Each structure stands twice: as structure tokens, then as C-alpha cells.
Protein backbone atom coordinates (compact mmCIF):
# COMPACT_ATOMS: atom_id res chain seq x y z
CA UNK A 1 46.44 62.36 101.91
CA UNK A 2 48.16 64.30 99.08
CA UNK A 3 46.40 63.82 95.77
CA UNK A 4 47.20 60.84 93.61
CA UNK A 5 48.56 62.05 90.28
CA UNK A 6 48.50 61.43 86.57
CA UNK A 7 50.39 64.67 85.82
CA UNK A 8 53.32 62.92 84.20
CA UNK A 9 54.64 66.14 82.71
CA UNK A 10 55.09 67.64 86.18
CA UNK A 11 56.57 64.42 87.54
CA UNK A 12 59.31 64.23 84.90
CA UNK A 13 59.97 67.95 84.47
CA UNK A 14 60.57 68.32 88.20
CA UNK A 15 62.35 65.02 88.81
CA UNK A 16 59.82 63.93 91.42
CA UNK A 17 61.20 61.07 93.55
CA UNK A 18 59.51 57.77 92.70
CA UNK A 19 59.03 54.63 94.78
CA UNK A 20 58.59 51.57 92.55
CA UNK A 21 56.79 48.77 94.41
CA UNK A 22 57.00 46.31 91.51
CA UNK A 23 59.13 43.18 91.89
CA UNK A 24 62.88 43.54 91.17
CA UNK A 25 62.58 41.53 87.93
CA UNK A 26 60.10 44.10 86.60
CA UNK A 27 62.19 47.04 87.79
CA UNK A 28 65.35 45.80 86.06
CA UNK A 29 63.52 45.49 82.73
CA UNK A 30 62.91 49.23 82.78
CA UNK A 31 62.40 52.09 85.20
CA UNK A 32 62.79 55.87 85.45
CA UNK A 33 65.45 58.26 86.73
CA UNK A 34 65.05 59.33 90.39
CA UNK A 35 63.36 56.01 91.12
CA UNK A 36 64.03 53.47 93.90
CA UNK A 37 62.78 49.89 93.91
CA UNK A 38 61.10 49.03 97.23
CA UNK A 39 58.93 46.08 96.25
CA UNK A 40 55.71 44.92 97.84
CA UNK A 41 56.69 41.37 96.84
CA UNK A 42 60.06 39.97 95.85
CA UNK A 43 60.45 37.92 92.67
CA UNK A 44 59.74 34.58 94.32
CA UNK A 45 56.62 35.85 96.11
CA UNK A 46 55.33 37.49 92.94
CA UNK A 47 55.80 34.25 90.99
CA UNK A 48 53.90 32.21 93.59
CA UNK A 49 51.01 34.70 93.61
CA UNK A 50 50.92 34.74 89.82
CA UNK A 51 50.75 30.95 89.65
CA UNK A 52 47.99 30.92 92.26
CA UNK A 53 46.04 33.55 90.29
CA UNK A 54 46.14 31.40 87.12
CA UNK A 55 45.14 28.21 88.93
CA UNK A 56 42.70 29.43 91.61
CA UNK A 57 41.67 32.98 90.72
CA UNK A 58 42.10 36.47 92.13
CA UNK A 59 40.67 35.96 95.59
CA UNK A 60 42.98 33.03 96.37
CA UNK A 61 45.97 34.92 94.93
CA UNK A 62 45.28 37.97 97.13
CA UNK A 63 44.95 35.76 100.19
CA UNK A 64 48.27 34.07 99.38
CA UNK A 65 49.93 37.45 98.92
CA UNK A 66 48.78 38.53 102.37
CA UNK A 67 50.17 35.31 103.90
CA UNK A 68 53.52 35.67 102.13
CA UNK A 69 53.93 39.33 103.06
CA UNK A 70 53.02 39.34 106.73
CA UNK A 71 54.60 39.61 110.16
CA UNK A 72 58.22 40.75 110.22
CA UNK A 73 58.47 40.82 106.41
CA UNK A 74 55.52 43.19 106.17
CA UNK A 75 56.87 45.41 108.94
CA UNK A 76 60.28 45.59 107.26
CA UNK A 77 58.79 46.65 103.93
CA UNK A 78 56.50 49.26 105.46
CA UNK A 79 59.50 50.66 107.37
CA UNK A 80 61.45 50.99 104.11
CA UNK A 81 58.51 52.78 102.43
CA UNK A 82 58.12 55.10 105.43
CA UNK A 83 61.82 55.97 105.35
CA UNK A 84 61.56 56.84 101.65
CA UNK A 85 58.38 58.85 102.14
CA UNK A 86 59.86 60.89 104.99
CA UNK A 87 63.00 61.58 102.94
CA UNK A 88 60.99 62.48 99.82
CA UNK A 89 57.74 64.22 100.82
CA UNK A 90 57.25 65.44 97.23
CA UNK A 91 57.38 61.94 95.74
CA UNK A 92 54.97 59.22 94.60
CA UNK A 93 54.71 55.45 94.65
CA UNK A 94 53.60 53.25 91.76
CA UNK A 95 53.21 49.68 90.57
CA UNK A 96 52.75 48.39 87.02
CA UNK A 97 49.23 49.68 86.26
CA UNK A 98 48.45 51.72 89.38
CA UNK A 99 46.24 48.91 90.62
CA UNK A 100 46.17 46.56 93.55
CA UNK A 101 49.85 46.53 94.53
CA UNK A 102 50.30 50.30 94.73
CA UNK A 103 46.89 50.75 96.39
CA UNK A 104 47.76 48.13 98.99
CA UNK A 105 51.20 49.64 99.61
CA UNK A 106 49.59 53.05 99.97
CA UNK A 107 47.02 51.72 102.48
CA UNK A 108 49.61 49.87 104.58
CA UNK A 109 51.91 52.89 104.60
CA UNK A 110 49.09 55.12 105.87
CA UNK A 111 47.39 52.75 108.31
CA UNK A 112 50.47 51.06 109.78
CA UNK A 113 53.24 53.52 108.96
CA UNK A 114 51.27 56.65 109.70
CA UNK A 115 52.15 58.36 106.40
CA UNK A 116 49.67 59.40 103.71
CA UNK A 117 51.60 59.10 100.43
CA UNK A 118 50.26 59.59 96.89
CA UNK A 119 50.47 57.08 94.08
CA UNK A 120 50.73 57.39 90.31
CA UNK A 121 47.41 56.81 88.56
CA UNK A 122 48.03 54.30 85.78
CA UNK A 123 51.41 53.33 87.23
CA UNK A 124 54.52 52.42 85.25
CA UNK A 125 52.57 51.55 82.12
CA UNK A 126 50.95 55.00 81.87
CA UNK A 127 54.24 56.82 82.52
CA UNK A 128 56.04 54.70 79.95
CA UNK A 129 53.33 55.44 77.36
CA UNK A 130 53.65 59.16 78.12
CA UNK A 131 57.40 59.06 77.44
CA UNK A 132 56.96 57.11 74.20
CA UNK A 133 54.43 59.74 73.09
CA UNK A 134 56.93 62.46 74.10
CA UNK A 135 59.51 61.11 71.64
CA UNK A 136 56.94 60.72 68.86
CA UNK A 137 55.50 64.22 69.32
CA UNK A 138 58.99 65.77 69.39
CA UNK A 139 59.96 64.11 66.13
CA UNK A 140 56.69 65.26 64.54
CA UNK A 141 56.74 68.85 65.84
CA UNK A 142 60.43 69.85 66.14
CA UNK A 143 63.26 70.41 63.68
CA UNK A 144 66.48 68.42 63.82
CA UNK A 145 69.97 69.13 62.49
CA UNK A 146 72.48 66.29 62.26
CA UNK A 147 76.22 66.79 62.86
CA UNK A 148 78.33 64.45 60.73
CA UNK A 149 82.02 64.15 60.01
CA UNK A 150 84.95 61.75 59.87
CA UNK A 151 85.77 59.68 62.94
CA UNK A 152 87.51 61.75 65.60
CA UNK A 153 86.49 65.22 64.43
CA UNK A 154 84.89 65.98 67.82
CA UNK A 155 81.18 65.83 67.07
CA UNK A 156 80.37 65.22 70.75
CA UNK A 157 82.45 68.27 71.67
CA UNK A 158 80.26 70.37 69.39
CA UNK A 159 77.12 69.09 71.08
CA UNK A 160 78.61 69.87 74.50
CA UNK A 161 78.71 73.58 73.59
CA UNK A 162 75.04 73.76 72.61
CA UNK A 163 71.98 74.22 74.81
CA UNK A 164 69.71 72.43 72.33
CA UNK A 165 71.77 69.26 71.88
CA UNK A 166 70.36 65.76 72.16
CA UNK A 167 73.30 63.61 73.21
CA UNK A 168 72.30 60.12 72.09
CA UNK A 169 75.70 58.66 72.92
CA UNK A 170 75.55 60.15 76.41
CA UNK A 171 72.16 58.59 77.06
CA UNK A 172 73.40 55.27 75.64
CA UNK A 173 76.72 55.43 77.60
CA UNK A 174 78.53 54.48 74.39
CA UNK A 175 80.61 56.45 71.88
CA UNK A 176 78.90 54.86 68.91
CA UNK A 177 81.85 53.18 67.19
CA UNK A 178 83.34 49.70 67.37
CA UNK A 179 85.64 51.08 70.08
CA UNK A 180 82.84 52.98 71.79
CA UNK A 181 82.16 50.92 74.92
CA UNK A 182 82.87 52.57 78.26
CA UNK A 183 84.16 50.69 81.29
CA UNK A 184 80.67 50.89 82.82
CA UNK A 185 77.73 49.06 81.17
CA UNK A 186 75.11 50.56 78.91
CA UNK A 187 71.55 51.09 80.14
CA UNK A 188 68.80 48.77 79.01
CA UNK A 189 66.78 49.80 75.96
CA UNK A 190 63.79 51.01 77.98
CA UNK A 191 65.96 53.04 80.36
CA UNK A 192 67.76 54.58 77.36
CA UNK A 193 64.46 55.61 75.76
CA UNK A 194 63.07 56.97 79.03
CA UNK A 195 66.16 59.10 79.66
CA UNK A 196 66.06 60.39 76.09
CA UNK A 197 62.36 61.27 76.32
CA UNK A 198 62.83 63.18 79.58
CA UNK A 199 65.70 65.16 78.02
CA UNK A 200 63.42 66.09 75.09
CA UNK A 201 60.58 67.01 77.45
CA UNK A 202 62.75 69.32 79.57
CA UNK A 203 64.40 71.06 76.64
CA UNK A 204 61.10 71.61 74.85
CA UNK A 205 59.69 73.06 78.07
CA UNK A 206 62.70 75.43 78.10
CA UNK A 207 61.82 76.63 74.61
CA UNK A 208 63.81 74.37 72.27
CA UNK A 209 62.16 73.84 68.89
CA UNK A 210 65.25 72.60 67.05
CA UNK A 211 67.56 69.85 68.28
CA UNK A 212 71.15 69.09 67.26
CA UNK A 213 72.06 65.39 67.16
CA UNK A 214 75.15 63.49 66.11
CA UNK A 215 74.96 61.36 62.99
CA UNK A 216 74.42 57.83 64.30
CA UNK A 217 73.59 54.40 62.95
CA UNK A 218 70.34 52.82 64.15
CA UNK A 219 72.14 51.20 67.08
CA UNK A 220 74.55 52.82 69.53
CA UNK A 221 76.19 49.78 71.03
CA UNK A 222 73.24 47.68 72.15
CA UNK A 223 70.83 50.65 72.39
CA UNK A 224 68.58 51.26 69.38
CA UNK A 225 67.64 54.83 68.47
CA UNK A 226 63.81 55.01 68.59
CA UNK A 227 62.52 54.49 65.06
CA UNK A 228 60.57 57.80 64.72
CA UNK A 229 63.71 59.74 65.72
CA UNK A 230 66.01 57.68 63.50
CA UNK A 231 63.74 58.27 60.51
CA UNK A 232 63.72 62.03 61.10
CA UNK A 233 67.51 62.06 61.47
CA UNK A 234 67.82 60.39 58.07
CA UNK A 235 65.84 63.21 56.44
CA UNK A 236 67.20 66.22 58.37
CA UNK A 237 69.78 68.83 57.27
CA UNK A 238 73.38 67.82 57.85
CA UNK A 239 76.29 69.91 59.11
CA UNK A 240 79.71 68.43 58.30
CA UNK A 241 82.48 68.84 60.88
CA UNK A 242 86.07 68.92 59.65
CA UNK A 243 89.45 68.53 61.35
CA UNK A 244 93.00 67.55 60.37
CA UNK A 245 94.19 63.96 60.54
CA UNK A 246 96.61 64.92 63.31
CA UNK A 247 93.86 66.56 65.37
CA UNK A 248 91.65 63.52 64.97
CA UNK A 249 94.43 61.13 66.03
CA UNK A 250 95.05 63.16 69.19
CA UNK A 251 91.35 63.25 70.05
CA UNK A 252 90.97 59.48 69.62
CA UNK A 253 94.14 58.91 71.63
CA UNK A 254 92.62 60.87 74.50
CA UNK A 255 89.12 59.36 74.31
CA UNK A 256 89.84 55.72 73.52
CA UNK A 257 93.22 55.25 75.22
CA UNK A 258 93.94 57.78 77.98
CA UNK A 259 90.39 58.35 79.23
CA UNK A 260 89.20 54.76 78.73
CA UNK A 261 92.21 53.40 80.60
CA UNK A 262 91.49 55.82 83.44
CA UNK A 263 87.87 54.56 83.57
CA UNK A 264 89.01 50.95 84.00
CA UNK A 265 91.68 51.85 86.56
CA UNK A 266 89.13 53.81 88.59
CA UNK A 267 86.86 50.76 88.64
CA UNK A 268 89.35 47.93 89.12
CA UNK A 269 92.60 49.41 90.41
CA UNK A 270 95.90 50.02 88.63
CA UNK A 271 96.97 46.53 87.57
CA UNK A 272 93.61 44.84 87.00
CA UNK A 273 92.24 48.01 85.43
CA UNK A 274 95.04 48.20 82.87
CA UNK A 275 94.63 44.52 82.00
CA UNK A 276 90.87 44.99 81.49
CA UNK A 277 91.48 48.11 79.38
CA UNK A 278 94.05 46.31 77.19
CA UNK A 279 91.71 43.35 76.70
CA UNK A 280 88.85 45.71 75.76
CA UNK A 281 91.01 47.55 73.21
CA UNK A 282 92.18 44.31 71.56
CA UNK A 283 88.62 42.93 71.52
CA UNK A 284 87.38 46.11 69.84
CA UNK A 285 89.93 45.65 67.06
CA UNK A 286 89.15 41.93 66.78
CA UNK A 287 85.49 42.83 66.25
CA UNK A 288 86.55 44.46 62.97
CA UNK A 289 88.47 41.40 61.71
CA UNK A 290 86.07 40.53 58.89
CA UNK A 291 85.82 44.11 57.69
CA UNK A 292 89.55 44.79 57.92
CA UNK A 293 90.70 41.52 56.40
CA UNK A 294 93.30 39.24 57.91
CA UNK A 295 96.49 41.01 56.78
CA UNK A 296 95.42 44.49 57.80
CA UNK A 297 94.00 43.29 61.10
CA UNK A 298 97.22 41.43 61.90
CA UNK A 299 99.34 44.50 61.11
CA UNK A 300 97.22 46.88 63.21
CA UNK A 301 97.02 44.33 66.06
CA UNK A 302 100.82 44.15 66.14
CA UNK A 303 101.01 47.95 66.41
CA UNK A 304 98.42 47.89 69.18
CA UNK A 305 100.27 45.13 71.05
CA UNK A 306 103.49 47.14 70.95
CA UNK A 307 101.69 50.28 72.13
CA UNK A 308 100.01 48.47 75.03
CA UNK A 309 103.29 46.84 76.06
CA UNK A 310 105.02 50.23 76.17
CA UNK A 311 102.11 51.81 78.01
CA UNK A 312 102.20 48.98 80.56
CA UNK A 313 105.97 49.42 81.05
CA UNK A 314 106.31 53.19 81.15
CA UNK A 315 102.83 54.71 81.01
CA UNK A 316 103.69 56.35 77.65
CA UNK A 317 100.89 56.31 75.07
CA UNK A 318 102.79 57.70 72.04
CA UNK A 319 102.91 54.39 70.14
CA UNK A 320 99.10 54.19 70.07
CA UNK A 321 99.11 56.91 67.40
CA UNK A 322 100.41 54.36 64.87
CA UNK A 323 97.44 51.99 64.95
CA UNK A 324 94.97 54.86 65.36
CA UNK A 325 96.22 56.61 62.21
CA UNK A 326 96.28 53.34 60.29
CA UNK A 327 92.72 52.51 61.30
CA UNK A 328 91.49 56.00 60.35
CA UNK A 329 93.20 56.20 56.97
CA UNK A 330 92.65 52.60 55.87
CA UNK A 331 89.23 51.80 57.35
CA UNK A 332 87.12 54.62 58.78
CA UNK A 333 87.92 57.45 56.35
CA UNK A 334 86.97 55.59 53.14
CA UNK A 335 83.72 54.47 54.78
CA UNK A 336 82.84 57.99 55.93
CA UNK A 337 83.85 59.49 52.57
CA UNK A 338 81.27 57.25 50.94
CA UNK A 339 78.65 58.38 53.45
CA UNK A 340 79.47 62.04 52.84
CA UNK A 341 78.99 61.59 49.12
CA UNK A 342 75.71 59.74 49.63
CA UNK A 343 74.39 62.42 52.01
CA UNK A 344 75.88 65.38 50.14
CA UNK A 345 72.56 66.89 49.11
CA UNK A 346 71.58 67.33 52.79
CA UNK A 347 74.75 69.22 53.82
CA UNK A 348 73.92 72.85 54.64
CA UNK A 349 77.26 73.84 56.20
CA UNK A 350 80.78 72.50 56.70
CA UNK A 351 83.72 73.77 58.69
CA UNK A 352 85.93 73.28 61.73
CA UNK A 353 84.60 73.00 65.29
CA UNK A 354 84.50 76.75 66.00
CA UNK A 355 82.75 77.51 62.72
CA UNK A 356 80.20 74.72 63.15
CA UNK A 357 79.40 75.76 66.73
CA UNK A 358 78.95 79.37 65.63
CA UNK A 359 76.71 78.32 62.74
CA UNK A 360 74.51 76.12 64.93
CA UNK A 361 74.24 78.74 67.68
CA UNK A 362 73.25 81.38 65.13
CA UNK A 363 70.23 79.26 64.12
CA UNK A 364 68.77 79.74 67.62
CA UNK A 365 68.89 83.55 67.47
């Protein structure tokens, strides 16, 4: 049998395929990239065994587990594990702590499936701890530079041109603003943190000692930036990205209207997709009602309604510029101007996209 492993660095650096034999309810709370859930017990079976363990002890619980997962059910699960193992000979299997469930799955797979397959020592819990430590060590040992700027200046575009970026919004599948939801859902908090940690691990292994991140609040949609990283971001040097109002309006039009509409249409089809997109856009504005105030919200909502009606009729998006410019000038810009003043002592450079990219790339030389 290949060796069981606790070399988590190798596992994550090389994207080793992982077979998770925990129950689906555990898997959906948090897992890892390149991982497939092929449970030893389903949720109902796991619950029955757990109840038995509390009432009658371990021996009775194990016996019940063997009765529940037997015959055709057992054969079906071993066949699924064997198919995975044959397709991924460089992979591993794991359960929560690397204990009884993964050991039993490993034994069944070898004795009845004819495949010797290694497991992760310490299981999910040990791998999760390793990734938490990865984030904490990176924030303690590496430098960070934060890219700030008014809404729509293209901060994500700057990060896209850098090899040492840490794209928090990409990992969170959210653009970070009130309008930042994509058509597809965000990951869970644990999955967000795991993905972020693996990104840090790989880039540090490639020689990165300084990371460029976008200026974010503590939460990106429903995902919270890990506290050690958020604290470091609040103390790190700041680069301020600048662009004209017109350039910012065009960028927001593309990101939050053209591209977002295309996401919904791709998921739901032309008519239903447009309706879902329009509802999302209106809901995003409604979420700002208290901050905007009734009169301003009503005025911007009317502009948005007219723009959506025209887009629905003809496909033209020109009218969206009206509410976008109003929202920038009347709401976002004053808020960001206050932030710039408050963070002014941390600003080490300011300029347009080309200048900021050149400045940040020069720091790596």
C-alpha cells in the first residue's frame, strides 16, 4: 500500500486528488479544492450511529454501522471508491480525524476492491488546522500592500496584472460592494478560507514575500476576511488608484450591468435570466435605502427602472450611466473621500492604472 500521509504541504501544493468519506452534511460545511465526497455513511446512517454511540457505546455503534452499510449498499460504495482510486492513483482518502471511518474505508477498498489506497493522517481536522496556520504564518512573515481608490477605478484589474496578488474578491466570488453579488453563489466561510490559504501557500512556495491586496471591509458579501489578515491590511502601506469619473462609469457599466446580465442569461436563459438580473440590480439599490435616504433612493430607482426597461426592449444599456453616475457622485465618492483622508498617512503612491501597476511591479525587482 502507498504510504499514508501527513505531508499537507505536498498535498495542497500539488493539488492531490482527495476522497472525502465523511457524511454529506460534514462535507458541505467545509471541504478542500480537488475533493470529491464519497461517504462511508450518508447523513441518516451517520445520525443513527451517533445516537447509538451516545446511548450504548462504541462497540454497539460500530456493529450498527456495519449492519447499515452492508450488502448492496456496501458494494456500491466500494465500487465508487475504487473508481475514484483508479482515476486518481496519486490521491488520498480522509475522514474527519483520520480515524475509524477512513481506516475502515481503506480496509474495505483494499480487501474487497483490490486497491491499496493511502489515507490522510489526522484527516480533515489536521488539514484544516494546517491551512489556518498557513494564513497566520503568512500574515506574520510577509509584507502586504493594499490597493485603494474610489469605486470603479479598476482595483481588480490592477491585481490581475500582478503575479503576487491575493484576490480576496475572487476567492469570495463577490465584488465587495452592495452591488457585488455574482449570479452564482458565494462559497461557505470555511471553503473561502481554505482557498485563500492554498493561494498563499502556492505563491510563497514560488518565492512571493510581498502580497498585493485590494482594500476591503471585514466582510466581502457573506465571507469574512480572516482576522489576522484583516488586521495586517489595516496597518499596511496603501497605494491609491485614480481614474476619471467617465472611466469609472464605463467600468461599472461593464461589470455590474453588461457582464452581470450575461451571467444570469447564461444560467437561466434569455428571458428568465434578464428578469433575475433586473431583480438583483433593483434589490442591490434597495439595500442602500437607509443610507441613501428616501428621496435620493426614489430618484435613482426611477433612473434604474427606465434603464432596465430600455435594455429589456432594445438591449441598449446607455441609460444605466445615469443612475451609475448619480450613485458614484452622491453616495460612494463622499464615503471614499473620507476614507482616503483617514488613511492618508499610509499612502505611499497614487496614480492611474498603468502607473500603479508599474510601481507595484517595480517593488518585486
